[in-house]
Amino acid sequence: MRQKQKIDIDHICALANLKLSEEGKARLEPQLVKIVEWVNKLEELELDLTQGEVYTPISFPLPLRPDEVQPSISSEDALFNSPETGGKFIKVPKVIEEK
């Protein structure tokens, strides 16, 4: 039996860019502990990987169509309704903040 793992909630929140209150962190920690314990149970499975069997979730052949070159719209038409452009590109607001 594995010993109960300690979860570093502050580190996980920093990685996920989450700003949680202390109450939110307290609610999240036991949930994450349960998830980690469940994933660790996978190590208990006895798998024989030497047979090389592959199972797919789809039991019927997928309908495939041949790749065909199709005409696309021009850059001017693609940019026509954009609120702001820069050359041949659509300008969008910056969403990544620097720390």
C-alpha atoms as a PDB file:
ATOM      1  CA  MET A   1       0.000   0.000   0.000  1.00  0.00           C
ATOM      2  CA  ARG A   2       1.345   3.376  -0.935  1.00  0.00           C
ATOM      3  CA  GLN A   3       1.616   6.145   1.573  1.00  0.00           C
ATOM      4  CA  LYS A   4      -0.733   9.070   1.045  1.00  0.00           C
ATOM      5  CA  GLN A   5       0.884  11.643  -1.187  1.00  0.00           C
ATOM      6  CA  LYS A   6       1.125  15.307  -0.315  1.00  0.00           C
ATOM      7  CA  ILE A   7      -0.149  17.578  -3.053  1.00  0.00           C
ATOM      8  CA  ASP A   8       1.457  21.002  -3.487  1.00  0.00           C
ATOM      9  CA  ILE A   9      -1.673  22.983  -4.315  1.00  0.00           C
ATOM     10  CA  ASP A  10       0.187  26.282  -4.685  1.00  0.00           C
ATOM     11  CA  HIS A  11       2.517  24.743  -7.287  1.00  0.00           C
ATOM     12  CA  ILE A  12      -0.387  23.193  -9.215  1.00  0.00           C
ATOM     13  CA  CYS A  13      -2.286  26.484  -9.159  1.00  0.00           C
ATOM     14  CA  ALA A  14       0.803  28.296 -10.468  1.00  0.00           C
ATOM     15  CA  LEU A  15       1.222  25.757 -13.288  1.00  0.00           C
ATOM     16  CA  ALA A  16      -2.449  26.030 -14.241  1.00  0.00           C
ATOM     17  CA  ASN A  17      -2.491  29.826 -13.767  1.00  0.00           C
ATOM     18  CA  LEU A  18      -5.318  29.496 -11.224  1.00  0.00           C
ATOM     19  CA  LYS A  19      -5.957  32.014  -8.510  1.00  0.00           C
ATOM     20  CA  LEU A  20      -7.857  30.148  -5.805  1.00  0.00           C
ATOM     21  CA  SER A  21      -8.833  31.259  -2.336  1.00  0.00           C
ATOM     22  CA  GLU A  22      -7.620  29.224   0.626  1.00  0.00           C
ATOM     23  CA  GLU A  23     -11.109  27.703   0.820  1.00  0.00           C
ATOM     24  CA  GLY A  24     -10.930  26.711  -2.844  1.00  0.00           C
ATOM     25  CA  LYS A  25      -7.495  25.162  -2.343  1.00  0.00           C
ATOM     26  CA  ALA A  26      -8.791  23.233   0.684  1.00  0.00           C
ATOM     27  CA  ARG A  27     -11.651  21.827  -1.422  1.00  0.00           C
ATOM     28  CA  LEU A  28      -9.378  20.982  -4.355  1.00  0.00           C
ATOM     29  CA  GLU A  29      -6.629  19.146  -2.445  1.00  0.00           C
ATOM     30  CA  PRO A  30      -8.643  16.043  -1.393  1.00  0.00           C
ATOM     31  CA  GLN A  31     -10.005  15.752  -4.936  1.00  0.00           C
ATOM     32  CA  LEU A  32      -6.496  15.784  -6.393  1.00  0.00           C
ATOM     33  CA  VAL A  33      -5.305  13.250  -3.810  1.00  0.00           C
ATOM     34  CA  LYS A  34      -8.112  10.888  -4.890  1.00  0.00           C
ATOM     35  CA  ILE A  35      -7.167  11.348  -8.555  1.00  0.00           C
ATOM     36  CA  VAL A  36      -3.494  10.594  -7.862  1.00  0.00           C
ATOM     37  CA  GLU A  37      -4.442   7.514  -5.797  1.00  0.00           C
ATOM     38  CA  TRP A  38      -6.684   6.273  -8.614  1.00  0.00           C
ATOM     39  CA  VAL A  39      -3.963   6.751 -11.224  1.00  0.00           C
ATOM     40  CA  ASN A  40      -1.461   4.941  -8.970  1.00  0.00           C
ATOM     41  CA  LYS A  41      -3.799   1.920  -8.951  1.00  0.00           C
ATOM     42  CA  LEU A  42      -2.981   1.477 -12.644  1.00  0.00           C
ATOM     43  CA  GLU A  43       0.490   0.340 -11.591  1.00  0.00           C
ATOM     44  CA  GLU A  44      -1.122  -2.654  -9.874  1.00  0.00           C
ATOM     45  CA  LEU A  45      -2.451  -4.033 -13.155  1.00  0.00           C
ATOM     46  CA  GLU A  46      -0.645  -7.044 -14.535  1.00  0.00           C
ATOM     47  CA  LEU A  47      -0.245  -6.410 -18.231  1.00  0.00           C
ATOM     48  CA  ASP A  48       1.374  -8.755 -20.702  1.00  0.00           C
ATOM     49  CA  LEU A  49       2.685  -6.354 -23.310  1.00  0.00           C
ATOM     50  CA  THR A  50       4.557  -9.037 -25.245  1.00  0.00           C
ATOM     51  CA  GLN A  51       1.538 -10.104 -27.302  1.00  0.00           C
ATOM     52  CA  GLY A  52       1.361  -6.789 -29.116  1.00  0.00           C
ATOM     53  CA  GLU A  53      -2.408  -6.774 -29.462  1.00  0.00           C
ATOM     54  CA  VAL A  54      -3.977  -3.471 -30.347  1.00  0.00           C
ATOM     55  CA  TYR A  55      -7.605  -2.741 -29.639  1.00  0.00           C
ATOM     56  CA  THR A  56      -9.399   0.168 -31.208  1.00  0.00           C
ATOM     57  CA  PRO A  57     -12.590   1.677 -29.816  1.00  0.00           C
ATOM     58  CA  ILE A  58     -14.067   1.649 -33.321  1.00  0.00           C
ATOM     59  CA  SER A  59     -15.123  -1.718 -34.691  1.00  0.00           C
ATOM     60  CA  PHE A  60     -16.221  -0.563 -38.142  1.00  0.00           C
ATOM     61  CA  PRO A  61     -14.140   0.817 -41.005  1.00  0.00           C
ATOM     62  CA  LEU A  62     -14.017   4.570 -41.147  1.00  0.00           C
ATOM     63  CA  PRO A  63     -15.313   6.121 -44.338  1.00  0.00           C
ATOM     64  CA  LEU A  64     -12.333   7.862 -45.867  1.00  0.00           C
ATOM     65  CA  ARG A  65     -12.414  10.242 -48.753  1.00  0.00           C
ATOM     66  CA  PRO A  66      -9.482  10.926 -51.017  1.00  0.00           C
ATOM     67  CA  ASP A  67      -7.580  14.150 -50.473  1.00  0.00           C
ATOM     68  CA  GLU A  68      -8.399  16.651 -53.180  1.00  0.00           C
ATOM     69  CA  VAL A  69      -7.054  20.136 -53.707  1.00  0.00           C
ATOM     70  CA  GLN A  70      -9.918  22.605 -53.277  1.00  0.00           C
ATOM     71  CA  PRO A  71      -9.868  26.301 -54.093  1.00  0.00           C
ATOM     72  CA  SER A  72      -9.849  28.576 -51.051  1.00  0.00           C
ATOM     73  CA  ILE A  73     -10.805  32.190 -50.535  1.00  0.00           C
ATOM     74  CA  SER A  74      -8.317  34.949 -51.211  1.00  0.00           C
ATOM     75  CA  SER A  75      -6.457  36.779 -48.433  1.00  0.00           C
ATOM     76  CA  GLU A  76      -8.459  39.929 -49.193  1.00  0.00           C
ATOM     77  CA  ASP A  77     -11.764  38.090 -48.783  1.00  0.00           C
ATOM     78  CA  ALA A  78     -10.577  36.443 -45.560  1.00  0.00           C
ATOM     79  CA  LEU A  79      -9.549  39.820 -44.086  1.00  0.00           C
ATOM     80  CA  PHE A  80     -12.596  41.726 -45.364  1.00  0.00           C
ATOM     81  CA  ASN A  81     -14.653  41.609 -42.121  1.00  0.00           C
ATOM     82  CA  SER A  82     -11.785  41.664 -39.637  1.00  0.00           C
ATOM     83  CA  PRO A  83     -11.804  44.755 -37.398  1.00  0.00           C
ATOM     84  CA  GLU A  84      -8.060  45.369 -37.708  1.00  0.00           C
ATOM     85  CA  THR A  85      -5.422  44.025 -40.053  1.00  0.00           C
ATOM     86  CA  GLY A  86      -1.683  44.225 -40.387  1.00  0.00           C
ATOM     87  CA  GLY A  87      -0.609  43.441 -43.916  1.00  0.00           C
ATOM     88  CA  LYS A  88      -1.952  39.992 -44.724  1.00  0.00           C
ATOM     89  CA  PHE A  89      -2.772  39.151 -41.085  1.00  0.00           C
ATOM     90  CA  ILE A  90      -5.623  39.755 -38.645  1.00  0.00           C
ATOM     91  CA  LYS A  91      -4.541  41.773 -35.610  1.00  0.00           C
ATOM     92  CA  VAL A  92      -5.838  40.438 -32.296  1.00  0.00           C
ATOM     93  CA  PRO A  93      -5.376  41.690 -28.734  1.00  0.00           C
ATOM     94  CA  LYS A  94      -2.385  40.353 -26.821  1.00  0.00           C
ATOM     95  CA  VAL A  95      -3.554  37.658 -24.403  1.00  0.00           C
ATOM     96  CA  ILE A  96      -0.248  36.518 -22.879  1.00  0.00           C
ATOM     97  CA  GLU A  97       0.894  38.543 -19.912  1.00  0.00           C
ATOM     98  CA  GLU A  98       4.525  38.917 -18.948  1.00  0.00           C
ATOM     99  CA  LYS A  99       5.421  38.212 -15.345  1.00  0.00           C
END
